[in-house]
Amino acid sequence: MAESISLVVTGLKCGGCESNVNTQLNKIEGVITVNASTKENKVEVTFDSSKTNVAAISQAISDAGYVVD
């Protein structure tokens, strides 16, 4: 089942940051869409909850060097 979440993320400063987060999250099986926004310091993710979860998504963002608030 598809779920959508919106996470506040600290450290998104440029288009390269957006691209980095998008790339890392799209590597996770079950992630359907990703929209990282430096303007809003937010990452919106739609994912298949039978294949991944919020904890895995948050961890991938942290592993990429950003802080999930």
PDB file of N, CA and C in Angstrom:
ATOM      1  N   MET A   1       0.831  -1.181   0.000  1.00  0.00           N
ATOM      2  CA  MET A   1       0.000   0.000   0.000  1.00  0.00           C
ATOM      3  C   MET A   1       0.876   1.245   0.000  1.00  0.00           C
ATOM      4  N   ALA A   2       0.551   2.212  -0.831  1.00  0.00           N
ATOM      5  CA  ALA A   2       1.342   3.435  -0.938  1.00  0.00           C
ATOM      6  C   ALA A   2       1.022   4.382   0.216  1.00  0.00           C
ATOM      7  N   GLU A   3       2.080   4.931   0.782  1.00  0.00           N
ATOM      8  CA  GLU A   3       1.976   5.942   1.835  1.00  0.00           C
ATOM      9  C   GLU A   3       2.798   7.139   1.422  1.00  0.00           C
ATOM     10  N   SER A   4       2.424   8.302   1.917  1.00  0.00           N
ATOM     11  CA  SER A   4       3.203   9.522   1.673  1.00  0.00           C
ATOM     12  C   SER A   4       3.584  10.135   3.007  1.00  0.00           C
ATOM     13  N   ILE A   5       4.832  10.614   3.079  1.00  0.00           N
ATOM     14  CA  ILE A   5       5.304  11.295   4.276  1.00  0.00           C
ATOM     15  C   ILE A   5       6.002  12.581   3.869  1.00  0.00           C
ATOM     16  N   SER A   6       6.058  13.505   4.795  1.00  0.00           N
ATOM     17  CA  SER A   6       6.786  14.757   4.602  1.00  0.00           C
ATOM     18  C   SER A   6       7.705  14.908   5.804  1.00  0.00           C
ATOM     19  N   LEU A   7       9.009  14.960   5.552  1.00  0.00           N
ATOM     20  CA  LEU A   7       9.996  15.055   6.619  1.00  0.00           C
ATOM     21  C   LEU A   7      10.705  16.400   6.559  1.00  0.00           C
ATOM     22  N   VAL A   8      10.877  17.041   7.707  1.00  0.00           N
ATOM     23  CA  VAL A   8      11.674  18.257   7.787  1.00  0.00           C
ATOM     24  C   VAL A   8      13.127  17.828   7.866  1.00  0.00           C
ATOM     25  N   VAL A   9      13.955  18.374   6.958  1.00  0.00           N
ATOM     26  CA  VAL A   9      15.354  17.956   6.857  1.00  0.00           C
ATOM     27  C   VAL A   9      16.253  19.187   6.919  1.00  0.00           C
ATOM     28  N   THR A  10      17.216  19.166   7.828  1.00  0.00           N
ATOM     29  CA  THR A  10      18.184  20.244   7.977  1.00  0.00           C
ATOM     30  C   THR A  10      19.425  19.919   7.156  1.00  0.00           C
ATOM     31  N   GLY A  11      19.958  20.928   6.497  1.00  0.00           N
ATOM     32  CA  GLY A  11      21.205  20.758   5.754  1.00  0.00           C
ATOM     33  C   GLY A  11      21.035  20.796   4.250  1.00  0.00           C
ATOM     34  N   LEU A  12      19.804  20.884   3.775  1.00  0.00           N
ATOM     35  CA  LEU A  12      19.575  21.005   2.327  1.00  0.00           C
ATOM     36  C   LEU A  12      19.872  22.443   1.931  1.00  0.00           C
ATOM     37  N   LYS A  13      20.964  22.656   1.189  1.00  0.00           N
ATOM     38  CA  LYS A  13      21.393  24.017   0.892  1.00  0.00           C
ATOM     39  C   LYS A  13      21.383  24.379  -0.592  1.00  0.00           C
ATOM     40  N   CYS A  14      21.347  23.365  -1.471  1.00  0.00           N
ATOM     41  CA  CYS A  14      21.444  23.671  -2.898  1.00  0.00           C
ATOM     42  C   CYS A  14      20.792  22.565  -3.729  1.00  0.00           C
ATOM     43  N   GLY A  15      20.769  22.785  -5.019  1.00  0.00           N
ATOM     44  CA  GLY A  15      20.215  21.786  -5.918  1.00  0.00           C
ATOM     45  C   GLY A  15      20.968  20.472  -5.856  1.00  0.00           C
ATOM     46  N   GLY A  16      22.259  20.538  -5.580  1.00  0.00           N
ATOM     47  CA  GLY A  16      23.055  19.325  -5.439  1.00  0.00           C
ATOM     48  C   GLY A  16      22.599  18.497  -4.244  1.00  0.00           C
ATOM     49  N   CYS A  17      22.217  19.189  -3.176  1.00  0.00           N
ATOM     50  CA  CYS A  17      21.684  18.490  -1.991  1.00  0.00           C
ATOM     51  C   CYS A  17      20.377  17.790  -2.334  1.00  0.00           C
ATOM     52  N   GLU A  18      19.508  18.496  -3.058  1.00  0.00           N
ATOM     53  CA  GLU A  18      18.243  17.898  -3.489  1.00  0.00           C
ATOM     54  C   GLU A  18      18.506  16.649  -4.316  1.00  0.00           C
ATOM     55  N   SER A  19      19.421  16.773  -5.262  1.00  0.00           N
ATOM     56  CA  SER A  19      19.758  15.653  -6.136  1.00  0.00           C
ATOM     57  C   SER A  19      20.328  14.481  -5.352  1.00  0.00           C
ATOM     58  N   ASN A  20      21.197  14.779  -4.389  1.00  0.00           N
ATOM     59  CA  ASN A  20      21.805  13.728  -3.572  1.00  0.00           C
ATOM     60  C   ASN A  20      20.737  12.949  -2.799  1.00  0.00           C
ATOM     61  N   VAL A  21      19.813  13.672  -2.154  1.00  0.00           N
ATOM     62  CA  VAL A  21      18.745  13.013  -1.402  1.00  0.00           C
ATOM     63  C   VAL A  21      17.863  12.192  -2.339  1.00  0.00           C
ATOM     64  N   ASN A  22      17.490  12.779  -3.472  1.00  0.00           N
ATOM     65  CA  ASN A  22      16.663  12.051  -4.442  1.00  0.00           C
ATOM     66  C   ASN A  22      17.338  10.757  -4.873  1.00  0.00           C
ATOM     67  N   THR A  23      18.621  10.829  -5.187  1.00  0.00           N
ATOM     68  CA  THR A  23      19.374   9.655  -5.635  1.00  0.00           C
ATOM     69  C   THR A  23      19.419   8.584  -4.558  1.00  0.00           C
ATOM     70  N   GLN A  24      19.743   8.983  -3.325  1.00  0.00           N
ATOM     71  CA  GLN A  24      19.853   8.011  -2.234  1.00  0.00           C
ATOM     72  C   GLN A  24      18.521   7.328  -1.935  1.00  0.00           C
ATOM     73  N   LEU A  25      17.456   8.112  -1.917  1.00  0.00           N
ATOM     74  CA  LEU A  25      16.158   7.522  -1.587  1.00  0.00           C
ATOM     75  C   LEU A  25      15.623   6.657  -2.716  1.00  0.00           C
ATOM     76  N   ASN A  26      15.914   7.011  -3.944  1.00  0.00           N
ATOM     77  CA  ASN A  26      15.441   6.198  -5.069  1.00  0.00           C
ATOM     78  C   ASN A  26      16.150   4.849  -5.151  1.00  0.00           C
ATOM     79  N   LYS A  27      17.229   4.669  -4.391  1.00  0.00           N
ATOM     80  CA  LYS A  27      17.918   3.376  -4.324  1.00  0.00           C
ATOM     81  C   LYS A  27      17.161   2.382  -3.435  1.00  0.00           C
ATOM     82  N   ILE A  28      16.254   2.882  -2.610  1.00  0.00           N
ATOM     83  CA  ILE A  28      15.527   2.030  -1.668  1.00  0.00           C
ATOM     84  C   ILE A  28      14.369   1.354  -2.386  1.00  0.00           C
ATOM     85  N   GLU A  29      14.338   0.033  -2.293  1.00  0.00           N
ATOM     86  CA  GLU A  29      13.227  -0.703  -2.894  1.00  0.00           C
ATOM     87  C   GLU A  29      11.928  -0.279  -2.229  1.00  0.00           C
ATOM     88  N   GLY A  30      10.948   0.071  -3.028  1.00  0.00           N
ATOM     89  CA  GLY A  30       9.650   0.477  -2.514  1.00  0.00           C
ATOM     90  C   GLY A  30       9.401   1.968  -2.554  1.00  0.00           C
ATOM     91  N   VAL A  31      10.468   2.764  -2.748  1.00  0.00           N
ATOM     92  CA  VAL A  31      10.278   4.211  -2.881  1.00  0.00           C
ATOM     93  C   VAL A  31       9.709   4.488  -4.263  1.00  0.00           C
ATOM     94  N   ILE A  32       8.609   5.221  -4.294  1.00  0.00           N
ATOM     95  CA  ILE A  32       7.909   5.495  -5.551  1.00  0.00           C
ATOM     96  C   ILE A  32       8.274   6.873  -6.083  1.00  0.00           C
ATOM     97  N   THR A  33       8.149   7.908  -5.245  1.00  0.00           N
ATOM     98  CA  THR A  33       8.532   9.264  -5.648  1.00  0.00           C
ATOM     99  C   THR A  33       9.252   9.964  -4.508  1.00  0.00           C
ATOM    100  N   VAL A  34      10.133  10.897  -4.881  1.00  0.00           N
ATOM    101  CA  VAL A  34      10.859  11.710  -3.908  1.00  0.00           C
ATOM    102  C   VAL A  34      10.848  13.146  -4.404  1.00  0.00           C
ATOM    103  N   ASN A  35      10.586  14.069  -3.498  1.00  0.00           N
ATOM    104  CA  ASN A  35      10.679  15.484  -3.834  1.00  0.00           C
ATOM    105  C   ASN A  35      11.380  16.187  -2.679  1.00  0.00           C
ATOM    106  N   ALA A  36      12.668  16.498  -2.872  1.00  0.00           N
ATOM    107  CA  ALA A  36      13.438  17.225  -1.867  1.00  0.00           C
ATOM    108  C   ALA A  36      13.405  18.705  -2.220  1.00  0.00           C
ATOM    109  N   SER A  37      13.161  19.550  -1.226  1.00  0.00           N
ATOM    110  CA  SER A  37      13.059  20.985  -1.456  1.00  0.00           C
ATOM    111  C   SER A  37      13.969  21.749  -0.507  1.00  0.00           C
ATOM    112  N   THR A  38      14.976  22.443  -1.057  1.00  0.00           N
ATOM    113  CA  THR A  38      15.848  23.278  -0.225  1.00  0.00           C
ATOM    114  C   THR A  38      15.082  24.496   0.277  1.00  0.00           C
ATOM    115  N   LYS A  39      14.164  24.971  -0.519  1.00  0.00           N
ATOM    116  CA  LYS A  39      13.389  26.157  -0.160  1.00  0.00           C
ATOM    117  C   LYS A  39      12.553  25.920   1.094  1.00  0.00           C
ATOM    118  N   GLU A  40      11.988  24.725   1.207  1.00  0.00           N
ATOM    119  CA  GLU A  40      11.120  24.408   2.337  1.00  0.00           C
ATOM    120  C   GLU A  40      11.798  23.538   3.387  1.00  0.00           C
ATOM    121  N   ASN A  41      13.067  23.131   3.137  1.00  0.00           N
ATOM    122  CA  ASN A  41      13.773  22.200   4.041  1.00  0.00           C
ATOM    123  C   ASN A  41      12.913  20.979   4.326  1.00  0.00           C
ATOM    124  N   LYS A  42      12.388  20.413   3.250  1.00  0.00           N
ATOM    125  CA  LYS A  42      11.448  19.308   3.381  1.00  0.00           C
ATOM    126  C   LYS A  42      11.738  18.251   2.322  1.00  0.00           C
ATOM    127  N   VAL A  43      11.502  17.002   2.682  1.00  0.00           N
ATOM    128  CA  VAL A  43      11.579  15.900   1.726  1.00  0.00           C
ATOM    129  C   VAL A  43      10.243  15.169   1.788  1.00  0.00           C
ATOM    130  N   GLU A  44       9.567  15.099   0.649  1.00  0.00           N
ATOM    131  CA  GLU A  44       8.306  14.374   0.553  1.00  0.00           C
ATOM    132  C   GLU A  44       8.566  13.065  -0.182  1.00  0.00           C
ATOM    133  N   VAL A  45       8.087  11.970   0.384  1.00  0.00           N
ATOM    134  CA  VAL A  45       8.346  10.649  -0.173  1.00  0.00           C
ATOM    135  C   VAL A  45       7.046   9.858  -0.232  1.00  0.00           C
ATOM    136  N   THR A  46       6.804   9.233  -1.367  1.00  0.00           N
ATOM    137  CA  THR A  46       5.724   8.266  -1.499  1.00  0.00           C
ATOM    138  C   THR A  46       6.393   6.907  -1.628  1.00  0.00           C
ATOM    139  N   PHE A  47       5.919   5.942  -0.845  1.00  0.00           N
ATOM    140  CA  PHE A  47       6.575   4.640  -0.818  1.00  0.00           C
ATOM    141  C   PHE A  47       5.567   3.527  -0.592  1.00  0.00           C
ATOM    142  N   ASP A  48       5.978   2.323  -0.947  1.00  0.00           N
ATOM    143  CA  ASP A  48       5.182   1.116  -0.723  1.00  0.00           C
ATOM    144  C   ASP A  48       5.521   0.600   0.671  1.00  0.00           C
ATOM    145  N   SER A  49       4.581   0.711   1.587  1.00  0.00           N
ATOM    146  CA  SER A  49       4.843   0.352   2.984  1.00  0.00           C
ATOM    147  C   SER A  49       5.052  -1.147   3.198  1.00  0.00           C
ATOM    148  N   SER A  50       4.787  -1.954   2.177  1.00  0.00           N
ATOM    149  CA  SER A  50       5.072  -3.384   2.311  1.00  0.00           C
ATOM    150  C   SER A  50       6.532  -3.688   1.968  1.00  0.00           C
ATOM    151  N   LYS A  51       7.249  -2.691   1.429  1.00  0.00           N
ATOM    152  CA  LYS A  51       8.643  -2.903   1.023  1.00  0.00           C
ATOM    153  C   LYS A  51       9.645  -2.065   1.806  1.00  0.00           C
ATOM    154  N   THR A  52       9.218  -0.938   2.369  1.00  0.00           N
ATOM    155  CA  THR A  52      10.119  -0.092   3.154  1.00  0.00           C
ATOM    156  C   THR A  52       9.296   0.658   4.189  1.00  0.00           C
ATOM    157  N   ASN A  53       9.990   1.454   5.015  1.00  0.00           N
ATOM    158  CA  ASN A  53       9.296   2.172   6.081  1.00  0.00           C
ATOM    159  C   ASN A  53       9.956   3.520   6.347  1.00  0.00           C
ATOM    160  N   VAL A  54       9.336   4.300   7.214  1.00  0.00           N
ATOM    161  CA  VAL A  54       9.832   5.643   7.521  1.00  0.00           C
ATOM    162  C   VAL A  54      11.225   5.583   8.133  1.00  0.00           C
ATOM    163  N   ALA A  55      11.489   4.610   8.975  1.00  0.00           N
ATOM    164  CA  ALA A  55      12.808   4.494   9.612  1.00  0.00           C
ATOM    165  C   ALA A  55      13.906   4.301   8.572  1.00  0.00           C
ATOM    166  N   ALA A  56      13.674   3.458   7.575  1.00  0.00           N
ATOM    167  CA  ALA A  56      14.677   3.226   6.525  1.00  0.00           C
ATOM    168  C   ALA A  56      14.889   4.480   5.688  1.00  0.00           C
ATOM    169  N   ILE A  57      13.822   5.197   5.418  1.00  0.00           N
ATOM    170  CA  ILE A  57      13.921   6.435   4.639  1.00  0.00           C
ATOM    171  C   ILE A  57      14.696   7.486   5.429  1.00  0.00           C
ATOM    172  N   SER A  58      14.368   7.649   6.694  1.00  0.00           N
ATOM    173  CA  SER A  58      15.073   8.602   7.553  1.00  0.00           C
ATOM    174  C   SER A  58      16.550   8.251   7.669  1.00  0.00           C
ATOM    175  N   GLN A  59      16.850   6.965   7.808  1.00  0.00           N
ATOM    176  CA  GLN A  59      18.240   6.525   7.921  1.00  0.00           C
ATOM    177  C   GLN A  59      19.020   6.842   6.649  1.00  0.00           C
ATOM    178  N   ALA A  60      18.409   6.645   5.492  1.00  0.00           N
ATOM    179  CA  ALA A  60      19.075   6.943   4.219  1.00  0.00           C
ATOM    180  C   ALA A  60      19.376   8.431   4.099  1.00  0.00           C
ATOM    181  N   ILE A  61      18.467   9.272   4.572  1.00  0.00           N
ATOM    182  CA  ILE A  61      18.707  10.719   4.554  1.00  0.00           C
ATOM    183  C   ILE A  61      19.864  11.060   5.485  1.00  0.00           C
ATOM    184  N   SER A  62      19.880  10.468   6.674  1.00  0.00           N
ATOM    185  CA  SER A  62      20.977  10.687   7.626  1.00  0.00           C
ATOM    186  C   SER A  62      22.302  10.199   7.064  1.00  0.00           C
ATOM    187  N   ASP A  63      22.289   9.028   6.432  1.00  0.00           N
ATOM    188  CA  ASP A  63      23.502   8.474   5.833  1.00  0.00           C
ATOM    189  C   ASP A  63      24.039   9.360   4.720  1.00  0.00           C
ATOM    190  N   ALA A  64      23.144  10.123   4.075  1.00  0.00           N
ATOM    191  CA  ALA A  64      23.564  11.036   3.007  1.00  0.00           C
ATOM    192  C   ALA A  64      24.144  12.341   3.573  1.00  0.00           C
ATOM    193  N   GLY A  65      24.068  12.513   4.889  1.00  0.00           N
ATOM    194  CA  GLY A  65      24.694  13.676   5.520  1.00  0.00           C
ATOM    195  C   GLY A  65      23.746  14.771   5.968  1.00  0.00           C
ATOM    196  N   TYR A  66      22.470  14.478   6.037  1.00  0.00           N
ATOM    197  CA  TYR A  66      21.482  15.477   6.428  1.00  0.00           C
ATOM    198  C   TYR A  66      20.790  15.045   7.712  1.00  0.00           C
ATOM    199  N   VAL A  67      20.136  15.986   8.375  1.00  0.00           N
ATOM    200  CA  VAL A  67      19.496  15.709   9.651  1.00  0.00           C
ATOM    201  C   VAL A  67      17.991  15.743   9.479  1.00  0.00           C
ATOM    202  N   VAL A  68      17.334  14.636   9.852  1.00  0.00           N
ATOM    203  CA  VAL A  68      15.873  14.582   9.836  1.00  0.00           C
ATOM    204  C   VAL A  68      15.388  15.085  11.186  1.00  0.00           C
ATOM    205  N   ASP A  69      14.621  16.165  11.161  1.00  0.00           N
ATOM    206  CA  ASP A  69      14.120  16.780  12.410  1.00  0.00           C
ATOM    207  C   ASP A  69      12.820  16.161  12.860  1.00  0.00           C
TER     208      ASP A  69
END
